[in-house]
Protein backbone atom coordinates (compact mmCIF):
# COMPACT_ATOMS: atom_id res chain seq x y z
CA MET A 1 18.56 13.06 17.31
CA LYS A 2 17.89 13.64 21.03
CA LYS A 3 14.60 11.77 21.05
CA LEU A 4 16.08 8.93 19.01
CA ILE A 5 19.19 8.59 21.18
CA SER A 6 17.07 8.57 24.33
CA TYR A 7 14.86 5.82 22.87
CA LEU A 8 17.83 3.71 21.82
CA LYS A 9 19.48 3.98 25.23
CA GLU A 10 16.29 3.33 27.20
CA ASN A 11 15.62 0.17 25.19
CA LYS A 12 19.29 -0.93 25.22
CA ILE A 13 19.35 -1.13 21.43
CA THR A 14 22.56 -2.58 19.99
CA GLU A 15 21.73 -2.47 16.25
CA VAL A 16 19.74 -0.11 14.06
CA GLU A 17 18.21 -1.01 10.71
CA CYS A 18 18.18 2.23 8.72
CA VAL A 19 15.53 1.87 6.01
CA ILE A 20 13.69 3.66 3.25
CA SER A 21 10.91 2.39 1.00
CA ASP A 22 11.66 1.93 -2.69
CA MET A 23 9.00 2.21 -5.41
CA THR A 24 7.80 -1.36 -4.83
CA GLY A 25 7.63 -0.98 -1.06
CA ILE A 26 10.74 -3.05 -0.36
CA ALA A 27 12.72 -1.91 2.69
CA ARG A 28 16.20 -0.93 1.53
CA GLY A 29 19.01 0.49 3.63
CA LYS A 30 21.80 -0.48 6.01
CA ILE A 31 22.24 -2.23 9.36
CA ALA A 32 24.52 -0.33 11.72
CA PRO A 33 25.79 -0.75 15.29
CA VAL A 34 23.99 1.74 17.49
CA ALA A 35 27.17 3.74 18.22
CA LYS A 36 27.84 4.22 14.51
CA PHE A 37 24.22 5.21 13.87
CA ILE A 38 24.37 7.86 16.61
CA ASP A 39 27.72 9.14 15.39
CA GLU A 40 26.69 9.46 11.73
CA LYS A 41 23.14 10.72 12.44
CA GLY A 42 21.76 8.97 9.39
CA MET A 43 23.14 7.24 6.32
CA ARG A 44 23.83 7.64 2.65
CA LEU A 45 22.49 5.46 -0.15
CA PRO A 46 23.04 5.53 -3.91
CA GLU A 47 20.35 7.36 -5.86
CA SER A 48 19.82 4.28 -8.01
CA VAL A 49 18.11 2.48 -5.10
CA LEU A 50 14.91 4.34 -5.93
CA LEU A 51 14.92 3.13 -9.52
CA GLN A 52 15.24 -0.57 -8.70
CA THR A 53 12.51 -2.91 -9.88
CA VAL A 54 10.88 -5.69 -7.88
CA THR A 55 13.43 -8.10 -9.40
CA GLY A 56 16.34 -5.90 -8.32
CA ASP A 57 17.04 -4.73 -11.85
CA TYR A 58 17.26 -1.11 -12.95
CA VAL A 59 15.53 0.99 -15.59
CA ASP A 60 17.20 1.44 -18.96
CA ASP A 61 20.15 3.80 -19.27
CA GLU A 62 18.29 6.52 -21.16
CA ILE A 63 15.70 6.98 -18.40
CA TYR A 64 18.33 6.53 -15.71
CA ASP A 65 20.54 9.26 -17.15
CA SER A 66 17.59 11.65 -17.50
CA LEU A 67 16.69 11.33 -13.82
CA LEU A 68 19.93 10.64 -11.95
CA ASP A 69 23.58 11.61 -12.01
CA LYS A 70 25.52 9.24 -14.27
CA ALA A 71 28.09 8.78 -11.50
CA ASP A 72 25.42 7.15 -9.27
CA ILE A 73 25.99 9.58 -6.45
CA ASP A 74 24.58 9.22 -2.92
CA PHE A 75 21.63 10.96 -1.37
CA VAL A 76 21.35 11.78 2.31
CA CYS A 77 19.00 9.77 4.55
CA VAL A 78 17.82 11.51 7.72
CA PRO A 79 16.12 9.46 10.48
CA ASP A 80 12.56 10.38 11.47
CA ASP A 81 12.19 10.24 15.25
CA LYS A 82 8.45 9.59 14.79
CA ALA A 83 9.16 6.43 12.79
CA ILE A 84 11.20 4.18 15.05
CA PHE A 85 10.06 0.59 15.60
CA MET A 86 11.40 -2.26 17.70
CA LEU A 87 12.09 -5.54 15.89
CA PRO A 88 10.98 -8.14 18.44
CA TRP A 89 11.96 -11.10 16.26
CA CYS A 90 15.67 -10.23 16.24
CA VAL A 91 18.12 -12.04 18.53
CA GLU A 92 19.84 -8.78 19.48
CA ALA A 93 17.93 -5.69 20.63
CA THR A 94 17.30 -4.06 17.25
CA ALA A 95 15.32 -1.03 16.14
CA GLN A 96 14.15 -0.13 12.66
CA VAL A 97 14.23 3.57 11.83
CA ILE A 98 12.52 4.93 8.72
CA HIS A 99 14.50 7.71 7.04
CA ASP A 100 13.61 10.63 4.80
CA THR A 101 15.75 11.29 1.74
CA TYR A 102 17.36 14.55 0.63
CA ASP A 103 19.95 15.68 -1.87
CA LYS A 104 23.14 17.41 -0.74
CA MET A 105 21.40 20.80 -0.87
CA GLY A 106 18.70 19.62 1.54
CA ASN A 107 15.95 19.26 -1.06
CA PRO A 108 13.58 16.26 -0.73
CA ILE A 109 14.33 13.52 -3.27
CA GLU A 110 11.44 13.53 -5.75
CA LEU A 111 11.62 9.78 -6.41
CA SER A 112 11.00 8.88 -2.76
CA PRO A 113 7.53 7.36 -2.10
CA ARG A 114 7.47 8.74 1.45
CA ASN A 115 8.37 12.21 0.18
CA LEU A 116 5.59 11.95 -2.38
CA LEU A 117 3.02 11.28 0.34
CA LYS A 118 4.36 14.23 2.34
CA LYS A 119 4.03 16.38 -0.78
CA VAL A 120 0.35 15.44 -1.11
CA LEU A 121 -0.26 16.04 2.60
CA LYS A 122 1.24 19.53 2.19
CA LEU A 123 -1.54 20.31 -0.33
CA TYR A 124 -4.08 19.55 2.38
CA GLU A 125 -2.13 21.48 5.00
CA ASP A 126 -2.13 24.58 2.82
CA LYS A 127 -5.94 24.41 2.69
CA GLY A 128 -6.25 24.00 6.45
CA TRP A 129 -7.34 20.37 6.07
CA LYS A 130 -6.03 17.12 7.54
CA PRO A 131 -6.80 13.70 6.02
CA VAL A 132 -7.71 10.80 8.29
CA VAL A 133 -7.19 7.29 6.93
CA ALA A 134 -7.72 3.71 8.08
CA PRO A 135 -6.23 0.95 5.90
CA GLU A 136 -7.50 -2.63 5.84
CA MET A 137 -4.91 -5.19 4.74
CA GLU A 138 -5.88 -8.56 3.26
CA PHE A 139 -3.35 -11.37 2.93
CA TYR A 140 -3.03 -15.12 2.48
CA LEU A 141 -1.27 -17.65 4.67
CA THR A 142 0.29 -20.44 2.65
CA LYS A 143 2.49 -23.48 2.96
CA PRO A 144 6.17 -22.60 2.26
CA ASN A 145 6.71 -22.66 -1.49
CA GLU A 146 10.17 -23.49 -2.85
CA ASP A 147 9.23 -23.91 -6.52
CA PRO A 148 7.50 -20.92 -8.19
CA ASP A 149 5.97 -23.29 -10.78
CA ILE A 150 3.97 -25.12 -8.09
CA PRO A 151 0.70 -23.43 -7.05
CA LEU A 152 0.36 -22.20 -3.48
CA SER A 153 -1.54 -24.29 -0.94
CA PRO A 154 -2.95 -23.53 2.52
CA PRO A 155 -0.74 -24.21 5.54
CA ILE A 156 -1.46 -26.85 8.17
CA GLY A 157 -3.28 -25.42 11.18
CA ARG A 158 -3.44 -26.44 14.83
CA SER A 159 -5.79 -29.31 13.99
CA GLY A 160 -3.13 -30.87 11.77
CA ARG A 161 -5.26 -30.27 8.68
CA ARG A 162 -5.26 -27.77 5.87
CA GLU A 163 -8.21 -25.45 5.47
CA SER A 164 -10.56 -26.42 2.66
CA GLY A 165 -13.29 -24.30 1.16
CA ARG A 166 -14.06 -20.70 1.99
CA GLN A 167 -14.62 -19.70 5.58
CA SER A 168 -15.67 -16.04 5.57
CA PHE A 169 -15.70 -14.62 9.11
CA SER A 170 -15.17 -18.07 10.65
CA ILE A 171 -13.72 -17.79 14.16
CA ASP A 172 -12.65 -21.43 14.25
CA ALA A 173 -10.85 -21.13 10.92
CA ALA A 174 -8.94 -18.06 12.11
CA ASN A 175 -8.12 -19.83 15.39
CA GLU A 176 -6.31 -22.53 13.44
CA TYR A 177 -3.39 -20.09 13.30
CA ASP A 178 -3.64 -18.70 16.83
CA PRO A 179 0.06 -19.14 17.74
CA LEU A 180 1.06 -17.13 14.66
CA PHE A 181 -1.46 -14.39 15.31
CA GLU A 182 -0.55 -14.16 18.99
CA ASP A 183 3.04 -13.40 17.97
CA MET A 184 1.79 -10.94 15.36
CA TYR A 185 -0.30 -9.03 17.91
CA ASP A 186 2.47 -9.06 20.52
CA TRP A 187 5.05 -7.82 18.03
CA CYS A 188 2.72 -5.14 16.66
CA GLU A 189 2.04 -3.92 20.19
CA ALA A 190 5.78 -3.78 20.90
CA GLN A 191 6.23 -1.62 17.79
CA GLY A 192 3.27 0.66 18.42
CA LEU A 193 1.36 -0.54 15.35
CA ASP A 194 -2.27 0.37 15.90
CA ILE A 195 -3.91 -2.75 14.50
CA ASP A 196 -7.48 -3.51 15.37
CA THR A 197 -9.73 -6.32 14.15
CA LEU A 198 -8.60 -9.64 12.66
CA ILE A 199 -11.09 -11.46 10.45
CA HIS A 200 -11.06 -14.49 8.21
CA GLU A 201 -11.69 -13.28 4.67
CA GLU A 202 -13.45 -15.05 1.81
CA GLY A 203 -10.50 -16.98 0.41
CA THR A 204 -9.00 -20.19 1.76
CA ALA A 205 -6.59 -19.15 4.56
CA GLN A 206 -7.14 -15.51 3.58
CA MET A 207 -7.21 -13.02 6.46
CA GLU A 208 -7.66 -9.29 6.99
CA ILE A 209 -6.21 -6.93 9.57
CA ASN A 210 -7.79 -3.51 10.14
CA PHE A 211 -5.83 -0.49 11.34
CA SER A 212 -7.35 2.16 13.58
CA HIS A 213 -7.94 5.50 11.86
CA GLY A 214 -5.31 8.20 12.16
CA ASP A 215 -2.63 10.34 10.51
CA ALA A 216 -1.94 9.37 6.90
CA LEU A 217 1.87 9.39 7.09
CA SER A 218 1.90 7.43 10.34
CA LEU A 219 -0.49 4.82 8.92
CA ALA A 220 1.59 4.46 5.76
CA ASP A 221 4.65 3.84 7.95
CA GLN A 222 2.70 1.31 10.00
CA VAL A 223 1.51 -0.66 6.97
CA PHE A 224 5.08 -0.66 5.62
CA VAL A 225 6.33 -2.09 8.94
CA PHE A 226 3.35 -4.43 9.38
CA LYS A 227 4.00 -6.31 6.16
CA ARG A 228 7.46 -7.20 7.32
CA THR A 229 6.25 -8.01 10.84
CA LEU A 230 3.59 -10.43 9.61
CA ARG A 231 6.03 -12.18 7.29
CA GLU A 232 8.46 -12.66 10.18
CA ALA A 233 5.71 -14.00 12.47
CA ALA A 234 4.63 -16.42 9.74
CA LEU A 235 8.16 -17.65 9.10
CA LYS A 236 8.59 -18.38 12.81
CA HIS A 237 5.71 -20.85 12.45
CA ASN A 238 6.89 -22.35 9.13
CA VAL A 239 4.18 -20.49 7.22
CA CYS A 240 4.40 -17.90 4.46
CA ALA A 241 2.32 -14.72 4.47
CA THR A 242 1.79 -13.04 1.12
CA PHE A 243 0.35 -9.69 0.13
CA MET A 244 0.24 -10.57 -3.57
CA ALA A 245 -2.91 -9.15 -5.09
CA LYS A 246 -3.96 -12.51 -6.61
CA PRO A 247 -1.77 -15.35 -5.30
CA VAL A 248 -4.13 -18.31 -5.75
CA THR A 249 -6.09 -19.37 -8.85
CA ASP A 250 -9.87 -19.24 -8.45
CA GLU A 251 -9.60 -17.55 -5.06
CA PRO A 252 -10.43 -13.89 -4.28
CA GLY A 253 -7.66 -11.32 -4.52
CA SER A 254 -6.24 -9.34 -1.62
CA ALA A 255 -6.97 -5.63 -1.30
CA MET A 256 -5.80 -2.65 0.67
CA HIS A 257 -9.10 -0.94 1.40
CA ILE A 258 -8.46 2.67 2.41
CA HIS A 259 -11.06 4.48 4.51
CA GLN A 260 -10.61 8.24 4.25
CA SER A 261 -12.12 11.44 5.53
CA VAL A 262 -10.90 15.02 5.96
CA VAL A 263 -11.16 17.30 8.99
CA ASP A 264 -10.85 21.05 9.24
CA VAL A 265 -7.71 21.71 11.30
CA LYS A 266 -9.17 24.73 13.11
CA THR A 267 -12.52 23.26 14.07
CA GLY A 268 -11.71 19.55 14.12
CA LYS A 269 -14.93 18.91 12.23
CA ASN A 270 -15.33 16.51 9.32
CA ILE A 271 -15.61 18.58 6.13
CA PHE A 272 -17.63 15.78 4.51
CA THR A 273 -20.60 16.73 6.70
CA ASN A 274 -22.76 19.87 6.83
CA GLU A 275 -23.87 21.44 10.12
CA ASP A 276 -27.24 19.67 9.80
CA GLY A 277 -25.52 16.27 9.40
CA THR A 278 -26.11 15.89 5.66
CA LYS A 279 -23.48 15.11 3.02
CA SER A 280 -21.47 18.22 2.15
CA ALA A 281 -20.57 19.52 -1.29
CA LYS A 282 -16.91 18.69 -0.57
CA PHE A 283 -17.87 15.11 0.21
CA LEU A 284 -19.52 14.77 -3.20
CA SER A 285 -16.68 16.49 -5.05
CA TYR A 286 -14.15 14.27 -3.24
CA ILE A 287 -16.00 11.24 -4.65
CA GLY A 288 -16.07 12.94 -8.04
CA GLY A 289 -12.30 13.38 -7.86
CA LEU A 290 -11.81 9.69 -7.06
CA GLN A 291 -13.98 8.73 -10.01
CA LYS A 292 -12.23 11.11 -12.40
CA TYR A 293 -8.60 10.59 -11.41
CA ILE A 294 -8.19 7.02 -10.12
CA PRO A 295 -7.79 5.73 -13.70
CA GLU A 296 -4.88 8.16 -14.15
CA LEU A 297 -3.23 7.13 -10.87
CA LEU A 298 -4.18 3.45 -10.92
CA PRO A 299 -0.57 2.16 -11.22
CA LEU A 300 0.07 3.53 -7.72
CA MET A 301 -2.81 1.39 -6.40
CA ALA A 302 -2.34 -1.61 -8.71
CA PRO A 303 1.43 -1.61 -9.31
CA ASN A 304 2.15 -5.08 -10.68
CA VAL A 305 1.08 -7.37 -13.51
CA ASN A 306 -0.48 -9.62 -10.89
CA SER A 307 -2.46 -6.65 -9.46
CA PHE A 308 -4.81 -6.70 -12.42
CA ARG A 309 -5.73 -10.35 -11.91
CA ARG A 310 -7.90 -9.08 -9.01
CA PHE A 311 -10.08 -7.12 -11.40
CA LEU A 312 -12.35 -9.88 -12.65
CA PRO A 313 -16.12 -9.42 -13.08
CA GLY A 314 -18.17 -11.29 -10.50
CA THR A 315 -15.44 -11.35 -7.85
CA SER A 316 -15.17 -9.47 -4.58
CA ALA A 317 -12.93 -6.84 -6.21
CA PRO A 318 -15.08 -4.12 -7.83
CA VAL A 319 -14.16 -3.47 -11.47
CA ASN A 320 -15.77 -0.04 -11.39
CA LEU A 321 -15.60 3.42 -9.87
CA GLU A 322 -19.24 3.61 -8.88
CA TRP A 323 -20.21 4.74 -5.40
CA GLY A 324 -23.01 3.84 -3.04
CA ASP A 325 -24.03 3.66 0.60
CA GLU A 326 -23.04 0.37 2.25
CA ASN A 327 -22.49 -1.15 -1.21
CA ARG A 328 -19.51 -3.51 -1.47
CA THR A 329 -20.02 -4.03 -5.20
CA CYS A 330 -18.92 -0.41 -5.71
CA GLY A 331 -15.29 0.58 -6.02
CA LEU A 332 -16.12 3.49 -3.70
CA ARG A 333 -18.22 2.42 -0.72
CA ILE A 334 -19.75 4.76 1.84
CA PRO A 335 -19.87 2.86 5.16
CA GLU A 336 -22.71 3.58 7.55
CA SER A 337 -21.52 6.01 10.21
CA SER A 338 -22.38 9.04 12.30
CA PRO A 339 -22.15 12.41 10.49
CA GLN A 340 -18.82 13.28 12.18
CA ASN A 341 -17.35 9.93 11.07
CA ARG A 342 -18.60 10.12 7.47
CA ARG A 343 -15.95 8.59 5.23
CA ILE A 344 -15.26 6.95 1.89
CA GLU A 345 -13.80 3.48 1.46
CA ASN A 346 -11.61 3.12 -1.64
CA ARG A 347 -11.79 -0.60 -2.49
CA ILE A 348 -9.62 -0.43 -5.60
CA ALA A 349 -6.07 -0.60 -4.20
CA GLY A 350 -4.39 -3.99 -3.92
CA ALA A 351 -2.59 -5.34 -0.87
CA ASP A 352 0.57 -5.41 -3.00
CA ALA A 353 0.60 -1.62 -3.38
CA ASN A 354 3.25 0.53 -1.74
CA SER A 355 1.36 2.01 1.24
CA TYR A 356 2.89 5.48 0.79
CA LEU A 357 1.95 5.62 -2.88
CA ALA A 358 -1.54 4.11 -2.57
CA ILE A 359 -2.51 6.51 0.22
CA ALA A 360 -0.93 9.45 -1.63
CA ALA A 361 -2.82 8.55 -4.80
CA THR A 362 -6.27 8.25 -3.22
CA LEU A 363 -5.82 11.46 -1.21
CA LEU A 364 -4.62 13.32 -4.30
CA CYS A 365 -7.63 12.18 -6.33
CA GLY A 366 -9.98 13.45 -3.62
CA PHE A 367 -8.06 16.71 -3.27
CA MET A 368 -8.26 17.44 -6.99
CA GLY A 369 -11.96 16.65 -6.90
CA MET A 370 -12.57 19.17 -4.12
CA VAL A 371 -10.53 22.01 -5.62
CA GLU A 372 -12.07 21.43 -9.05
CA ASP A 373 -15.59 20.82 -7.68
CA VAL A 374 -15.93 17.60 -9.70
CA LYS A 375 -19.48 16.23 -9.73
CA PRO A 376 -19.86 12.52 -8.99
CA SER A 377 -22.15 10.11 -10.78
CA THR A 378 -25.48 9.04 -9.31
CA PRO A 379 -25.00 6.63 -6.39
CA VAL A 380 -25.72 2.98 -7.19
CA GLN A 381 -28.46 0.88 -5.68
CA GLY A 382 -28.00 -2.86 -6.05
CA ARG A 383 -25.12 -4.51 -7.91
CA ALA A 384 -22.77 -1.94 -9.39
CA ASN A 385 -21.28 -4.33 -11.94
CA GLU A 386 -24.58 -5.03 -13.70
CA ASN A 387 -25.28 -3.22 -16.98
CA ARG A 388 -23.10 -0.22 -16.23
CA LEU A 389 -20.55 0.80 -18.85
CA GLY A 390 -19.24 4.01 -17.27
CA ASN A 391 -16.59 4.50 -14.59
CA SER A 392 -14.49 1.56 -15.72
CA LEU A 393 -10.81 0.93 -15.00
CA PRO A 394 -7.82 0.08 -17.18
CA LEU A 395 -7.58 -3.71 -17.00
CA THR A 396 -3.87 -4.28 -17.69
CA LEU A 397 -0.72 -2.74 -16.26
CA GLU A 398 0.35 -1.72 -19.76
CA GLU A 399 -2.89 0.17 -20.36
CA ALA A 400 -2.79 1.79 -16.92
CA LEU A 401 0.79 3.01 -17.39
CA ALA A 402 -0.16 4.54 -20.75
CA VAL A 403 -3.07 6.42 -19.15
CA MET A 404 -0.84 7.64 -16.31
CA SER A 405 1.87 8.75 -18.73
CA GLU A 406 -0.58 10.90 -20.69
CA SER A 407 -2.15 12.55 -17.62
CA LEU A 408 -1.36 16.25 -17.28
CA ALA A 409 -2.75 16.27 -13.73
CA VAL A 410 -0.40 13.47 -12.65
CA ARG A 411 2.62 15.30 -14.00
CA GLU A 412 1.53 18.58 -12.45
CA TYR A 413 1.03 17.22 -8.94
CA LEU A 414 3.52 14.34 -8.79
CA GLY A 415 6.21 16.03 -10.86
CA GLU A 416 7.94 14.96 -14.06
CA ALA A 417 10.77 13.17 -12.27
CA PHE A 418 8.57 10.94 -10.12
CA THR A 419 6.10 10.25 -12.94
CA ASN A 420 8.81 9.27 -15.42
CA GLY A 421 10.76 7.31 -12.83
CA TYR A 422 7.79 5.33 -11.56
CA ILE A 423 6.54 4.49 -15.04
CA ALA A 424 10.04 3.41 -16.06
CA VAL A 425 10.35 1.08 -13.04
CA LYS A 426 6.98 -0.52 -13.78
CA GLN A 427 7.70 -0.86 -17.48
CA ALA A 428 10.95 -2.64 -16.58
CA ASP A 429 8.93 -5.00 -14.36
CA LEU A 430 6.57 -5.58 -17.27
CA GLU A 431 9.45 -6.42 -19.63
CA ASN A 432 10.86 -8.90 -17.12
CA TYR A 433 7.45 -10.54 -16.79
CA ARG A 434 7.13 -10.96 -20.55
CA ARG A 435 10.33 -12.97 -20.67
CA VAL A 436 8.88 -15.72 -18.45
CA ILE A 437 6.92 -18.63 -19.95
CA SER A 438 4.01 -19.52 -17.69
CA SER A 439 2.80 -22.96 -16.62
CA TRP A 440 -0.50 -22.25 -18.45
CA GLU A 441 1.37 -21.91 -21.74
CA ARG A 442 3.25 -25.16 -21.16
CA GLU A 443 0.08 -27.00 -20.11
CA PHE A 444 -2.19 -25.95 -22.95
CA LEU A 445 0.10 -25.04 -25.84
CA LEU A 446 3.06 -27.42 -25.58
CA LEU A 447 1.50 -30.34 -27.51
CA THR A 448 -1.61 -28.76 -29.02
CA VAL A 449 -0.62 -25.92 -31.33
């Protein structure tokens, strides 16, 4: 606590938001006066928090009772002094502190997304390896939407007009929202979020923020905090920011592209590259692992019903697990780089994914590929979606959950508790979705069938 207490005093913090990430990526926790936070050195939360769905509901009793104590006991939340962030939008001086979760015996809670990522990183540590990641987050800016039945529309920019058409990489189109982005950059800097380039993406009022490469756990924390930061900056300017995977009909979806490489801890060298600068065997087997295991871990990268609306042929979201150099039609793209910076870009994950789980999933796929020496397919030249039947993905959440449930590798590495708990949460989301009658059904079936 010494580092934390020093930080809180130096910054004259009066309130602390104690948070953890649930399965969806929602920040859950408590807000405490700084004196109480220092005195208690953490917090307690009910175990059931980690089995809440995106709607705030819980999994059915049978699953609940198999994973948690029927009395709904508390687990212990311990603050991480490397994960403290100022909240510049608050009236009072407030800090957000991300916590790790443990049971009363000091064992990490298996259902925790952050603990799961740490578990995967331990696999790398035991091999003397360290992953390096760089997420890219796509999102839409929209007009505030009070009625879920009304489609989203672009917000009004500085010119007093709404954006129309697609403005990929347009500087002027991005500048329409300069006041919002100035706050976003200022607030990210105040929090130590290492964001880099802002670009206008393909969709109407769709943007992308790139993070600088670095430690996987730190970057997962930063993406978790960034989502909230951007939403707050947008709200200040009467705009909504959404990380839904497919928020607007006939517009491109939003992805979380994850660049990844692995360095040898002792030498600091990229294990994807041989001494002569060529692609290493581990580089190829890492790709092979992504191709083999992403279908089994897809619900961690595409966690919602809406996630699968991104995966449409002919769109900017690859519906394949092919790989190729500088090829954006592939699910696995190899960007042009120097040998030491050789990396793989996983283009499958959606912006709606929990950052801890999406990063854990892609790193685990690559790890299994390297330890099993999985051979990748032949790299693709040209359009990867044309006339290729292999390396396809499950195309519905229901199908993806079934594949994940049957995977022995998933259960071995993620554990029975996490696997069953995560699938149960997502199946509960799916059941809630099925109860809702969509506007499409009312429009086309009401008076015609």
